[in-house]
PDB file of N, CA and C in Angstrom:
ATOM      1  N   MET A   1     -30.872  92.257  -4.373  1.00  0.00           N
ATOM      2  CA  MET A   1     -30.025  91.832  -3.270  1.00  0.00           C
ATOM      3  C   MET A   1     -29.787  90.332  -3.305  1.00  0.00           C
ATOM      4  N   ASP A   2     -30.811  89.573  -3.679  1.00  0.00           N
ATOM      5  CA  ASP A   2     -30.669  88.127  -3.733  1.00  0.00           C
ATOM      6  C   ASP A   2     -29.682  87.703  -4.816  1.00  0.00           C
ATOM      7  N   ILE A   3     -29.696  88.399  -5.947  1.00  0.00           N
ATOM      8  CA  ILE A   3     -28.765  88.071  -7.027  1.00  0.00           C
ATOM      9  C   ILE A   3     -27.331  88.311  -6.554  1.00  0.00           C
ATOM     10  N   PHE A   4     -27.113  89.407  -5.853  1.00  0.00           N
ATOM     11  CA  PHE A   4     -25.788  89.708  -5.320  1.00  0.00           C
ATOM     12  C   PHE A   4     -25.324  88.615  -4.362  1.00  0.00           C
ATOM     13  N   LEU A   5     -26.210  88.128  -3.507  1.00  0.00           N
ATOM     14  CA  LEU A   5     -25.861  87.089  -2.554  1.00  0.00           C
ATOM     15  C   LEU A   5     -25.545  85.767  -3.247  1.00  0.00           C
ATOM     16  N   VAL A   6     -26.296  85.434  -4.287  1.00  0.00           N
ATOM     17  CA  VAL A   6     -26.030  84.206  -5.043  1.00  0.00           C
ATOM     18  C   VAL A   6     -24.659  84.285  -5.714  1.00  0.00           C
ATOM     19  N   VAL A   7     -24.379  85.417  -6.351  1.00  0.00           N
ATOM     20  CA  VAL A   7     -23.086  85.597  -7.019  1.00  0.00           C
ATOM     21  C   VAL A   7     -21.948  85.604  -5.994  1.00  0.00           C
ATOM     22  N   LEU A   8     -22.161  86.251  -4.855  1.00  0.00           N
ATOM     23  CA  LEU A   8     -21.138  86.291  -3.815  1.00  0.00           C
ATOM     24  C   LEU A   8     -20.834  84.894  -3.278  1.00  0.00           C
ATOM     25  N   LEU A   9     -21.872  84.120  -3.010  1.00  0.00           N
ATOM     26  CA  LEU A   9     -21.664  82.748  -2.536  1.00  0.00           C
ATOM     27  C   LEU A   9     -20.948  81.901  -3.583  1.00  0.00           C
ATOM     28  N   LEU A  10     -21.273  82.107  -4.835  1.00  0.00           N
ATOM     29  CA  LEU A  10     -20.616  81.380  -5.914  1.00  0.00           C
ATOM     30  C   LEU A  10     -19.134  81.727  -5.994  1.00  0.00           C
ATOM     31  N   ILE A  11     -18.805  82.992  -5.905  1.00  0.00           N
ATOM     32  CA  ILE A  11     -17.402  83.428  -5.969  1.00  0.00           C
ATOM     33  C   ILE A  11     -16.630  82.941  -4.745  1.00  0.00           C
ATOM     34  N   VAL A  12     -17.221  83.057  -3.570  1.00  0.00           N
ATOM     35  CA  VAL A  12     -16.554  82.584  -2.354  1.00  0.00           C
ATOM     36  C   VAL A  12     -16.327  81.071  -2.430  1.00  0.00           C
ATOM     37  N   GLY A  13     -17.304  80.334  -2.953  1.00  0.00           N
ATOM     38  CA  GLY A  13     -17.146  78.892  -3.118  1.00  0.00           C
ATOM     39  C   GLY A  13     -16.007  78.548  -4.057  1.00  0.00           C
ATOM     40  N   ILE A  14     -15.893  79.279  -5.153  1.00  0.00           N
ATOM     41  CA  ILE A  14     -14.805  79.042  -6.112  1.00  0.00           C
ATOM     42  C   ILE A  14     -13.461  79.333  -5.470  1.00  0.00           C
ATOM     43  N   VAL A  15     -13.358  80.449  -4.778  1.00  0.00           N
ATOM     44  CA  VAL A  15     -12.095  80.822  -4.126  1.00  0.00           C
ATOM     45  C   VAL A  15     -11.697  79.784  -3.079  1.00  0.00           C
ATOM     46  N   LEU A  16     -12.658  79.331  -2.297  1.00  0.00           N
ATOM     47  CA  LEU A  16     -12.350  78.338  -1.270  1.00  0.00           C
ATOM     48  C   LEU A  16     -11.922  77.005  -1.873  1.00  0.00           C
ATOM     49  N   LEU A  17     -12.583  76.589  -2.946  1.00  0.00           N
ATOM     50  CA  LEU A  17     -12.177  75.336  -3.581  1.00  0.00           C
ATOM     51  C   LEU A  17     -10.810  75.449  -4.238  1.00  0.00           C
ATOM     52  N   ILE A  18     -10.518  76.581  -4.849  1.00  0.00           N
ATOM     53  CA  ILE A  18      -9.187  76.782  -5.443  1.00  0.00           C
ATOM     54  C   ILE A  18      -8.125  76.773  -4.344  1.00  0.00           C
ATOM     55  N   ALA A  19      -8.418  77.431  -3.229  1.00  0.00           N
ATOM     56  CA  ALA A  19      -7.469  77.432  -2.112  1.00  0.00           C
ATOM     57  C   ALA A  19      -7.277  76.023  -1.564  1.00  0.00           C
ATOM     58  N   GLU A  20      -8.338  75.261  -1.487  1.00  0.00           N
ATOM     59  CA  GLU A  20      -8.246  73.897  -0.970  1.00  0.00           C
ATOM     60  C   GLU A  20      -7.427  73.007  -1.907  1.00  0.00           C
ATOM     61  N   ILE A  21      -7.631  73.160  -3.192  1.00  0.00           N
ATOM     62  CA  ILE A  21      -6.938  72.295  -4.149  1.00  0.00           C
ATOM     63  C   ILE A  21      -5.466  72.682  -4.287  1.00  0.00           C
ATOM     64  N   PHE A  22      -5.181  73.967  -4.403  1.00  0.00           N
ATOM     65  CA  PHE A  22      -3.821  74.390  -4.723  1.00  0.00           C
ATOM     66  C   PHE A  22      -2.971  74.751  -3.510  1.00  0.00           C
ATOM     67  N   LEU A  23      -3.566  75.202  -2.432  1.00  0.00           N
ATOM     68  CA  LEU A  23      -2.772  75.723  -1.319  1.00  0.00           C
ATOM     69  C   LEU A  23      -2.793  74.849  -0.075  1.00  0.00           C
ATOM     70  N   LEU A  24      -3.928  74.308   0.262  1.00  0.00           N
ATOM     71  CA  LEU A  24      -4.071  73.587   1.522  1.00  0.00           C
ATOM     72  C   LEU A  24      -4.048  72.086   1.279  1.00  0.00           C
ATOM     73  N   PRO A  25      -3.278  71.352   2.065  1.00  0.00           N
ATOM     74  CA  PRO A  25      -3.220  69.894   1.861  1.00  0.00           C
ATOM     75  C   PRO A  25      -4.460  69.199   2.422  1.00  0.00           C
ATOM     76  N   GLY A  26      -4.856  68.134   1.764  1.00  0.00           N
ATOM     77  CA  GLY A  26      -5.979  67.346   2.251  1.00  0.00           C
ATOM     78  C   GLY A  26      -7.312  67.975   1.943  1.00  0.00           C
ATOM     79  N   PHE A  27      -8.358  67.339   2.420  1.00  0.00           N
ATOM     80  CA  PHE A  27      -9.711  67.867   2.227  1.00  0.00           C
ATOM     81  C   PHE A  27     -10.204  68.303   3.583  1.00  0.00           C
ATOM     82  N   GLY A  28     -10.248  69.604   3.797  1.00  0.00           N
ATOM     83  CA  GLY A  28     -10.575  70.097   5.123  1.00  0.00           C
ATOM     84  C   GLY A  28     -11.612  71.185   5.122  1.00  0.00           C
ATOM     85  N   PHE A  29     -11.390  72.134   5.976  1.00  0.00           N
ATOM     86  CA  PHE A  29     -12.354  73.192   6.260  1.00  0.00           C
ATOM     87  C   PHE A  29     -12.692  74.013   5.015  1.00  0.00           C
ATOM     88  N   ALA A  30     -11.683  74.407   4.251  1.00  0.00           N
ATOM     89  CA  ALA A  30     -11.936  75.251   3.076  1.00  0.00           C
ATOM     90  C   ALA A  30     -12.740  74.500   2.019  1.00  0.00           C
ATOM     91  N   GLY A  31     -12.457  73.238   1.813  1.00  0.00           N
ATOM     92  CA  GLY A  31     -13.207  72.452   0.835  1.00  0.00           C
ATOM     93  C   GLY A  31     -14.656  72.257   1.232  1.00  0.00           C
ATOM     94  N   ILE A  32     -14.871  71.965   2.498  1.00  0.00           N
ATOM     95  CA  ILE A  32     -16.240  71.786   2.989  1.00  0.00           C
ATOM     96  C   ILE A  32     -17.015  73.097   2.900  1.00  0.00           C
ATOM     97  N   CYS A  33     -16.373  74.198   3.273  1.00  0.00           N
ATOM     98  CA  CYS A  33     -17.034  75.503   3.177  1.00  0.00           C
ATOM     99  C   CYS A  33     -17.292  75.895   1.725  1.00  0.00           C
ATOM    100  N   GLY A  34     -16.377  75.576   0.819  1.00  0.00           N
ATOM    101  CA  GLY A  34     -16.581  75.868  -0.601  1.00  0.00           C
ATOM    102  C   GLY A  34     -17.764  75.110  -1.173  1.00  0.00           C
ATOM    103  N   ILE A  35     -17.848  73.826  -0.837  1.00  0.00           N
ATOM    104  CA  ILE A  35     -18.998  73.037  -1.288  1.00  0.00           C
ATOM    105  C   ILE A  35     -20.283  73.565  -0.649  1.00  0.00           C
ATOM    106  N   GLY A  36     -20.205  73.974   0.608  1.00  0.00           N
ATOM    107  CA  GLY A  36     -21.367  74.557   1.278  1.00  0.00           C
ATOM    108  C   GLY A  36     -21.821  75.851   0.611  1.00  0.00           C
ATOM    109  N   CYS A  37     -20.858  76.665   0.171  1.00  0.00           N
ATOM    110  CA  CYS A  37     -21.206  77.906  -0.541  1.00  0.00           C
ATOM    111  C   CYS A  37     -21.879  77.594  -1.873  1.00  0.00           C
ATOM    112  N   PHE A  38     -21.382  76.571  -2.580  1.00  0.00           N
ATOM    113  CA  PHE A  38     -22.023  76.171  -3.833  1.00  0.00           C
ATOM    114  C   PHE A  38     -23.457  75.708  -3.582  1.00  0.00           C
ATOM    115  N   ILE A  39     -23.633  74.866  -2.585  1.00  0.00           N
ATOM    116  CA  ILE A  39     -24.976  74.371  -2.270  1.00  0.00           C
ATOM    117  C   ILE A  39     -25.890  75.526  -1.856  1.00  0.00           C
ATOM    118  N   GLY A  40     -25.356  76.448  -1.056  1.00  0.00           N
ATOM    119  CA  GLY A  40     -26.141  77.606  -0.627  1.00  0.00           C
ATOM    120  C   GLY A  40     -26.537  78.497  -1.789  1.00  0.00           C
ATOM    121  N   SER A  41     -25.607  78.724  -2.723  1.00  0.00           N
ATOM    122  CA  SER A  41     -25.936  79.594  -3.858  1.00  0.00           C
ATOM    123  C   SER A  41     -26.973  78.952  -4.767  1.00  0.00           C
ATOM    124  N   VAL A  42     -26.867  77.662  -4.992  1.00  0.00           N
ATOM    125  CA  VAL A  42     -27.852  76.984  -5.840  1.00  0.00           C
ATOM    126  C   VAL A  42     -29.212  76.960  -5.149  1.00  0.00           C
ATOM    127  N   THR A  43     -29.230  76.658  -3.849  1.00  0.00           N
ATOM    128  CA  THR A  43     -30.487  76.626  -3.109  1.00  0.00           C
ATOM    129  C   THR A  43     -31.142  77.998  -3.088  1.00  0.00           C
ATOM    130  N   LEU A  44     -30.346  79.012  -2.824  1.00  0.00           N
ATOM    131  CA  LEU A  44     -30.885  80.372  -2.794  1.00  0.00           C
ATOM    132  C   LEU A  44     -31.413  80.792  -4.160  1.00  0.00           C
ATOM    133  N   ALA A  45     -30.708  80.381  -5.216  1.00  0.00           N
ATOM    134  CA  ALA A  45     -31.168  80.722  -6.565  1.00  0.00           C
ATOM    135  C   ALA A  45     -32.492  80.041  -6.878  1.00  0.00           C
ATOM    136  N   TYR A  46     -32.637  78.786  -6.482  1.00  0.00           N
ATOM    137  CA  TYR A  46     -33.903  78.093  -6.739  1.00  0.00           C
ATOM    138  C   TYR A  46     -35.051  78.665  -5.906  1.00  0.00           C
ATOM    139  N   ILE A  47     -34.767  79.023  -4.660  1.00  0.00           N
ATOM    140  CA  ILE A  47     -35.844  79.489  -3.780  1.00  0.00           C
ATOM    141  C   ILE A  47     -36.216  80.947  -4.055  1.00  0.00           C
ATOM    142  N   ARG A  48     -35.216  81.816  -4.122  1.00  0.00           N
ATOM    143  CA  ARG A  48     -35.495  83.257  -4.187  1.00  0.00           C
ATOM    144  C   ARG A  48     -35.578  83.824  -5.602  1.00  0.00           C
ATOM    145  N   LEU A  49     -34.765  83.274  -6.531  1.00  0.00           N
ATOM    146  CA  LEU A  49     -34.683  83.899  -7.852  1.00  0.00           C
ATOM    147  C   LEU A  49     -35.565  83.243  -8.899  1.00  0.00           C
ATOM    148  N   THR A  50     -36.017  82.023  -8.686  1.00  0.00           N
ATOM    149  CA  THR A  50     -36.820  81.341  -9.695  1.00  0.00           C
ATOM    150  C   THR A  50     -38.139  82.059  -9.974  1.00  0.00           C
ATOM    151  N   PRO A  51     -38.823  82.608  -8.976  1.00  0.00           N
ATOM    152  CA  PRO A  51     -40.051  83.359  -9.324  1.00  0.00           C
ATOM    153  C   PRO A  51     -39.769  84.586 -10.205  1.00  0.00           C
ATOM    154  N   LEU A  52     -38.605  85.195 -10.063  1.00  0.00           N
ATOM    155  CA  LEU A  52     -38.269  86.371 -10.873  1.00  0.00           C
ATOM    156  C   LEU A  52     -37.744  85.980 -12.253  1.00  0.00           C
ATOM    157  N   PHE A  53     -36.898  84.969 -12.252  1.00  0.00           N
ATOM    158  CA  PHE A  53     -36.255  84.542 -13.485  1.00  0.00           C
ATOM    159  C   PHE A  53     -36.335  83.021 -13.522  1.00  0.00           C
ATOM    160  N   ALA A  54     -37.041  82.473 -14.477  1.00  0.00           N
ATOM    161  CA  ALA A  54     -37.434  81.065 -14.463  1.00  0.00           C
ATOM    162  C   ALA A  54     -36.259  80.091 -14.405  1.00  0.00           C
ATOM    163  N   TYR A  55     -35.151  80.412 -15.014  1.00  0.00           N
ATOM    164  CA  TYR A  55     -34.040  79.470 -15.083  1.00  0.00           C
ATOM    165  C   TYR A  55     -32.861  79.862 -14.199  1.00  0.00           C
ATOM    166  N   ALA A  56     -33.062  80.678 -13.205  1.00  0.00           N
ATOM    167  CA  ALA A  56     -31.968  81.161 -12.354  1.00  0.00           C
ATOM    168  C   ALA A  56     -31.292  80.014 -11.604  1.00  0.00           C
ATOM    169  N   GLY A  57     -32.068  79.101 -11.067  1.00  0.00           N
ATOM    170  CA  GLY A  57     -31.492  77.962 -10.343  1.00  0.00           C
ATOM    171  C   GLY A  57     -30.694  77.059 -11.252  1.00  0.00           C
ATOM    172  N   HIS A  58     -31.220  76.805 -12.460  1.00  0.00           N
ATOM    173  CA  HIS A  58     -30.509  75.956 -13.417  1.00  0.00           C
ATOM    174  C   HIS A  58     -29.205  76.607 -13.871  1.00  0.00           C
ATOM    175  N   ILE A  59     -29.233  77.899 -14.090  1.00  0.00           N
ATOM    176  CA  ILE A  59     -28.022  78.617 -14.509  1.00  0.00           C
ATOM    177  C   ILE A  59     -26.978  78.590 -13.392  1.00  0.00           C
ATOM    178  N   THR A  60     -27.411  78.785 -12.160  1.00  0.00           N
ATOM    179  CA  THR A  60     -26.480  78.753 -11.031  1.00  0.00           C
ATOM    180  C   THR A  60     -25.896  77.361 -10.848  1.00  0.00           C
ATOM    181  N   LEU A  61     -26.726  76.336 -10.958  1.00  0.00           N
ATOM    182  CA  LEU A  61     -26.233  74.967 -10.850  1.00  0.00           C
ATOM    183  C   LEU A  61     -25.238  74.651 -11.957  1.00  0.00           C
ATOM    184  N   GLY A  62     -25.560  75.081 -13.176  1.00  0.00           N
ATOM    185  CA  GLY A  62     -24.637  74.883 -14.294  1.00  0.00           C
ATOM    186  C   GLY A  62     -23.327  75.627 -14.090  1.00  0.00           C
ATOM    187  N   ALA A  63     -23.403  76.832 -13.534  1.00  0.00           N
ATOM    188  CA  ALA A  63     -22.184  77.608 -13.270  1.00  0.00           C
ATOM    189  C   ALA A  63     -21.317  76.912 -12.225  1.00  0.00           C
ATOM    190  N   CYS A  64     -21.943  76.361 -11.194  1.00  0.00           N
ATOM    191  CA  CYS A  64     -21.173  75.636 -10.170  1.00  0.00           C
ATOM    192  C   CYS A  64     -20.471  74.435 -10.767  1.00  0.00           C
ATOM    193  N   ILE A  65     -21.186  73.671 -11.572  1.00  0.00           N
ATOM    194  CA  ILE A  65     -20.582  72.492 -12.204  1.00  0.00           C
ATOM    195  C   ILE A  65     -19.483  72.905 -13.167  1.00  0.00           C
ATOM    196  N   LEU A  66     -19.719  73.947 -13.953  1.00  0.00           N
ATOM    197  CA  LEU A  66     -18.724  74.423 -14.912  1.00  0.00           C
ATOM    198  C   LEU A  66     -17.458  74.919 -14.214  1.00  0.00           C
ATOM    199  N   PHE A  67     -17.610  75.745 -13.181  1.00  0.00           N
ATOM    200  CA  PHE A  67     -16.443  76.263 -12.469  1.00  0.00           C
ATOM    201  C   PHE A  67     -15.673  75.149 -11.768  1.00  0.00           C
ATOM    202  N   THR A  68     -16.379  74.170 -11.235  1.00  0.00           N
ATOM    203  CA  THR A  68     -15.699  73.045 -10.591  1.00  0.00           C
ATOM    204  C   THR A  68     -14.914  72.238 -11.615  1.00  0.00           C
ATOM    205  N   CYS A  69     -15.494  71.978 -12.770  1.00  0.00           N
ATOM    206  CA  CYS A  69     -14.799  71.232 -13.820  1.00  0.00           C
ATOM    207  C   CYS A  69     -13.583  71.999 -14.346  1.00  0.00           C
ATOM    208  N   ILE A  70     -13.730  73.292 -14.526  1.00  0.00           N
ATOM    209  CA  ILE A  70     -12.599  74.110 -14.992  1.00  0.00           C
ATOM    210  C   ILE A  70     -11.474  74.104 -13.965  1.00  0.00           C
ATOM    211  N   THR A  71     -11.813  74.220 -12.689  1.00  0.00           N
ATOM    212  CA  THR A  71     -10.796  74.209 -11.637  1.00  0.00           C
ATOM    213  C   THR A  71     -10.072  72.876 -11.592  1.00  0.00           C
ATOM    214  N   ILE A  72     -10.795  71.792 -11.687  1.00  0.00           N
ATOM    215  CA  ILE A  72     -10.165  70.462 -11.678  1.00  0.00           C
ATOM    216  C   ILE A  72      -9.297  70.281 -12.918  1.00  0.00           C
ATOM    217  N   TYR A  73      -9.758  70.749 -14.075  1.00  0.00           N
ATOM    218  CA  TYR A  73      -8.967  70.653 -15.293  1.00  0.00           C
ATOM    219  C   TYR A  73      -7.656  71.433 -15.171  1.00  0.00           C
ATOM    220  N   ILE A  74      -7.738  72.653 -14.656  1.00  0.00           N
ATOM    221  CA  ILE A  74      -6.527  73.464 -14.480  1.00  0.00           C
ATOM    222  C   ILE A  74      -5.585  72.798 -13.478  1.00  0.00           C
ATOM    223  N   PHE A  75      -6.139  72.215 -12.430  1.00  0.00           N
ATOM    224  CA  PHE A  75      -5.323  71.529 -11.430  1.00  0.00           C
ATOM    225  C   PHE A  75      -4.599  70.336 -12.049  1.00  0.00           C
ATOM    226  N   LEU A  76      -5.287  69.572 -12.881  1.00  0.00           N
ATOM    227  CA  LEU A  76      -4.655  68.401 -13.488  1.00  0.00           C
ATOM    228  C   LEU A  76      -3.614  68.794 -14.527  1.00  0.00           C
ATOM    229  N   LYS A  77      -3.800  69.909 -15.206  1.00  0.00           N
ATOM    230  CA  LYS A  77      -2.836  70.363 -16.210  1.00  0.00           C
ATOM    231  C   LYS A  77      -1.633  71.083 -15.598  1.00  0.00           C
ATOM    232  N   SER A  78      -1.763  71.544 -14.375  1.00  0.00           N
ATOM    233  CA  SER A  78      -0.643  72.257 -13.743  1.00  0.00           C
ATOM    234  C   SER A  78       0.369  71.247 -13.212  1.00  0.00           C
ATOM    235  N   ASN A  79       1.467  71.757 -12.716  1.00  0.00           N
ATOM    236  CA  ASN A  79       2.501  70.902 -12.150  1.00  0.00           C
ATOM    237  C   ASN A  79       2.280  70.641 -10.667  1.00  0.00           C
ATOM    238  N   ALA A  80       1.121  70.953 -10.171  1.00  0.00           N
ATOM    239  CA  ALA A  80       0.848  70.784  -8.742  1.00  0.00           C
ATOM    240  C   ALA A  80       0.907  69.323  -8.332  1.00  0.00           C
ATOM    241  N   LEU A  81       0.430  68.419  -9.180  1.00  0.00           N
ATOM    242  CA  LEU A  81       0.474  66.996  -8.836  1.00  0.00           C
ATOM    243  C   LEU A  81       1.906  66.485  -8.768  1.00  0.00           C
ATOM    244  N   LYS A  82       2.773  66.982  -9.645  1.00  0.00           N
ATOM    245  CA  LYS A  82       4.171  66.553  -9.616  1.00  0.00           C
ATOM    246  C   LYS A  82       4.863  67.035  -8.347  1.00  0.00           C
ATOM    247  N   LYS A  83       4.489  68.211  -7.875  1.00  0.00           N
ATOM    248  CA  LYS A  83       5.090  68.733  -6.655  1.00  0.00           C
ATOM    249  C   LYS A  83       4.582  67.997  -5.431  1.00  0.00           C
ATOM    250  N   MET A  84       3.369  67.455  -5.493  1.00  0.00           N
ATOM    251  CA  MET A  84       2.793  66.753  -4.351  1.00  0.00           C
ATOM    252  C   MET A  84       3.206  65.287  -4.272  1.00  0.00           C
ATOM    253  N   SER A  85       3.564  64.701  -5.401  1.00  0.00           N
ATOM    254  CA  SER A  85       3.859  63.274  -5.416  1.00  0.00           C
ATOM    255  C   SER A  85       5.324  63.015  -5.080  1.00  0.00           C
ATOM    256  N   LEU A  86       5.596  61.796  -4.660  1.00  0.00           N
ATOM    257  CA  LEU A  86       6.953  61.380  -4.345  1.00  0.00           C
ATOM    258  C   LEU A  86       7.570  60.731  -5.571  1.00  0.00           C
ATOM    259  N   ASP A  87       8.790  61.134  -5.899  1.00  0.00           N
ATOM    260  CA  ASP A  87       9.483  60.586  -7.058  1.00  0.00           C
ATOM    261  C   ASP A  87      10.758  59.852  -6.661  1.00  0.00           C
ATOM    262  N   THR A  88      10.819  59.340  -5.467  1.00  0.00           N
ATOM    263  CA  THR A  88      12.014  58.663  -4.995  1.00  0.00           C
ATOM    264  C   THR A  88      12.108  57.283  -5.625  1.00  0.00           C
ATOM    265  N   LYS A  89      13.282  56.979  -6.156  1.00  0.00           N
ATOM    266  CA  LYS A  89      13.517  55.659  -6.734  1.00  0.00           C
ATOM    267  C   LYS A  89      14.444  54.885  -5.799  1.00  0.00           C
ATOM    268  N   ILE A  90      14.079  53.682  -5.512  1.00  0.00           N
ATOM    269  CA  ILE A  90      14.900  52.827  -4.660  1.00  0.00           C
ATOM    270  C   ILE A  90      15.769  51.978  -5.577  1.00  0.00           C
ATOM    271  N   GLU A  91      17.071  52.169  -5.489  1.00  0.00           N
ATOM    272  CA  GLU A  91      17.986  51.474  -6.380  1.00  0.00           C
ATOM    273  C   GLU A  91      18.828  50.432  -5.659  1.00  0.00           C
ATOM    274  N   SER A  92      18.693  50.320  -4.367  1.00  0.00           N
ATOM    275  CA  SER A  92      19.481  49.334  -3.640  1.00  0.00           C
ATOM    276  C   SER A  92      18.759  47.997  -3.631  1.00  0.00           C
ATOM    277  N   LYS A  93      19.532  46.945  -3.438  1.00  0.00           N
ATOM    278  CA  LYS A  93      18.936  45.627  -3.348  1.00  0.00           C
ATOM    279  C   LYS A  93      19.744  44.789  -2.370  1.00  0.00           C
ATOM    280  N   VAL A  94      19.094  43.810  -1.810  1.00  0.00           N
ATOM    281  CA  VAL A  94      19.712  42.919  -0.843  1.00  0.00           C
ATOM    282  C   VAL A  94      19.711  41.525  -1.443  1.00  0.00           C
ATOM    283  N   ASN A  95      20.875  40.918  -1.506  1.00  0.00           N
ATOM    284  CA  ASN A  95      20.999  39.590  -2.103  1.00  0.00           C
ATOM    285  C   ASN A  95      21.077  38.521  -1.024  1.00  0.00           C
ATOM    286  N   LEU A  96      20.166  38.542  -0.104  1.00  0.00           N
ATOM    287  CA  LEU A  96      20.178  37.534   0.956  1.00  0.00           C
ATOM    288  C   LEU A  96      19.451  36.268   0.536  1.00  0.00           C
ATOM    289  N   ALA A  97      18.288  36.432  -0.055  1.00  0.00           N
ATOM    290  CA  ALA A  97      17.468  35.274  -0.382  1.00  0.00           C
ATOM    291  C   ALA A  97      17.829  34.737  -1.752  1.00  0.00           C
ATOM    292  N   LYS A  98      18.342  33.523  -1.755  1.00  0.00           N
ATOM    293  CA  LYS A  98      18.642  32.824  -2.999  1.00  0.00           C
ATOM    294  C   LYS A  98      18.011  31.453  -2.903  1.00  0.00           C
ATOM    295  N   PRO A  99      17.666  30.866  -4.019  1.00  0.00           N
ATOM    296  CA  PRO A  99      17.087  29.530  -3.960  1.00  0.00           C
ATOM    297  C   PRO A  99      18.064  28.534  -3.314  1.00  0.00           C
ATOM    298  N   GLY A 100      17.553  27.764  -2.384  1.00  0.00           N
ATOM    299  CA  GLY A 100      18.368  26.744  -1.724  1.00  0.00           C
ATOM    300  C   GLY A 100      19.022  27.206  -0.438  1.00  0.00           C
ATOM    301  N   LYS A 101      18.929  28.468  -0.076  1.00  0.00           N
ATOM    302  CA  LYS A 101      19.504  28.955   1.167  1.00  0.00           C
ATOM    303  C   LYS A 101      18.570  28.659   2.320  1.00  0.00           C
ATOM    304  N   LYS A 102      19.122  28.259   3.437  1.00  0.00           N
ATOM    305  CA  LYS A 102      18.304  27.977   4.608  1.00  0.00           C
ATOM    306  C   LYS A 102      18.064  29.262   5.396  1.00  0.00           C
ATOM    307  N   ILE A 103      17.038  29.234   6.231  1.00  0.00           N
ATOM    308  CA  ILE A 103      16.679  30.420   7.012  1.00  0.00           C
ATOM    309  C   ILE A 103      17.792  30.785   7.975  1.00  0.00           C
ATOM    310  N   ASN A 104      18.439  29.820   8.570  1.00  0.00           N
ATOM    311  CA  ASN A 104      19.541  30.111   9.493  1.00  0.00           C
ATOM    312  C   ASN A 104      20.664  30.845   8.771  1.00  0.00           C
ATOM    313  N   ASP A 105      20.935  30.436   7.531  1.00  0.00           N
ATOM    314  CA  ASP A 105      21.976  31.113   6.748  1.00  0.00           C
ATOM    315  C   ASP A 105      21.565  32.552   6.421  1.00  0.00           C
ATOM    316  N   LEU A 106      20.283  32.776   6.168  1.00  0.00           N
ATOM    317  CA  LEU A 106      19.803  34.127   5.885  1.00  0.00           C
ATOM    318  C   LEU A 106      19.975  35.031   7.098  1.00  0.00           C
ATOM    319  N   GLU A 107      19.642  34.509   8.284  1.00  0.00           N
ATOM    320  CA  GLU A 107      19.793  35.316   9.496  1.00  0.00           C
ATOM    321  C   GLU A 107      21.255  35.661   9.739  1.00  0.00           C
ATOM    322  N   LYS A 108      22.140  34.692   9.521  1.00  0.00           N
ATOM    323  CA  LYS A 108      23.575  34.938   9.712  1.00  0.00           C
ATOM    324  C   LYS A 108      24.081  35.965   8.696  1.00  0.00           C
ATOM    325  N   ALA A 109      23.652  35.836   7.439  1.00  0.00           N
ATOM    326  CA  ALA A 109      24.081  36.774   6.407  1.00  0.00           C
ATOM    327  C   ALA A 109      23.567  38.186   6.707  1.00  0.00           C
ATOM    328  N   ALA A 110      22.348  38.285   7.204  1.00  0.00           N
ATOM    329  CA  ALA A 110      21.797  39.593   7.550  1.00  0.00           C
ATOM    330  C   ALA A 110      22.558  40.218   8.704  1.00  0.00           C
ATOM    331  N   LYS A 111      22.904  39.438   9.700  1.00  0.00           N
ATOM    332  CA  LYS A 111      23.693  39.954  10.827  1.00  0.00           C
ATOM    333  C   LYS A 111      25.062  40.411  10.360  1.00  0.00           C
ATOM    334  N   ASP A 112      25.693  39.647   9.455  1.00  0.00           N
ATOM    335  CA  ASP A 112      27.009  40.026   8.936  1.00  0.00           C
ATOM    336  C   ASP A 112      26.937  41.358   8.188  1.00  0.00           C
ATOM    337  N   ILE A 113      25.920  41.531   7.360  1.00  0.00           N
ATOM    338  CA  ILE A 113      25.760  42.787   6.625  1.00  0.00           C
ATOM    339  C   ILE A 113      25.518  43.941   7.588  1.00  0.00           C
ATOM    340  N   TYR A 114      24.700  43.708   8.613  1.00  0.00           N
ATOM    341  CA  TYR A 114      24.411  44.743   9.604  1.00  0.00           C
ATOM    342  C   TYR A 114      25.679  45.151  10.343  1.00  0.00           C
ATOM    343  N   GLU A 115      26.494  44.181  10.731  1.00  0.00           N
ATOM    344  CA  GLU A 115      27.725  44.493  11.438  1.00  0.00           C
ATOM    345  C   GLU A 115      28.708  45.234  10.540  1.00  0.00           C
ATOM    346  N   LYS A 116      28.808  44.868   9.258  1.00  0.00           N
ATOM    347  CA  LYS A 116      29.706  45.556   8.332  1.00  0.00           C
ATOM    348  C   LYS A 116      29.293  47.017   8.161  1.00  0.00           C
ATOM    349  N   GLU A 117      27.961  47.261   8.055  1.00  0.00           N
ATOM    350  CA  GLU A 117      27.484  48.648   7.890  1.00  0.00           C
ATOM    351  C   GLU A 117      27.732  49.463   9.128  1.00  0.00           C
ATOM    352  N   ASN A 118      27.568  48.887  10.302  1.00  0.00           N
ATOM    353  CA  ASN A 118      27.800  49.624  11.540  1.00  0.00           C
ATOM    354  C   ASN A 118      29.289  49.869  11.792  1.00  0.00           C
ATOM    355  N   ASN A 119      30.135  48.957  11.370  1.00  0.00           N
ATOM    356  CA  ASN A 119      31.579  49.140  11.547  1.00  0.00           C
ATOM    357  C   ASN A 119      32.120  50.210  10.608  1.00  0.00           C
ATOM    358  N   GLN A 120      31.518  50.334   9.415  1.00  0.00           N
ATOM    359  CA  GLN A 120      31.985  51.333   8.450  1.00  0.00           C
ATOM    360  C   GLN A 120      31.582  52.745   8.864  1.00  0.00           C
ATOM    361  N   ALA A 121      30.468  52.881   9.563  1.00  0.00           N
ATOM    362  CA  ALA A 121      29.967  54.213   9.930  1.00  0.00           C
ATOM    363  C   ALA A 121      30.680  54.813  11.089  1.00  0.00           C
TER     364      ALA A 121
END
């Protein structure tokens, strides 16, 4: 029964971390619960399974690290980062500030540009 619980916690942790990385924005409830499931499975393996099988805790810890690394690798290789990032390019420019222009002239030029844009709209 303990082995089943360790494996179940490990699988639930993986599913929650995958959901957190790929489906849910930010680091929230699913990520915290996934990490909690990993910690619970490793702790349970060390406490309950080590007397039966000497390396059960080490194997579970290694599996958690391996699955986390594989998930992060798949996430970085997928197009998920491109979909999450902003690719907007700003191509406009304002030619108000030139060497030798006074601040009063800049304010007047800015007001003139503002009035031209509002009159055109």
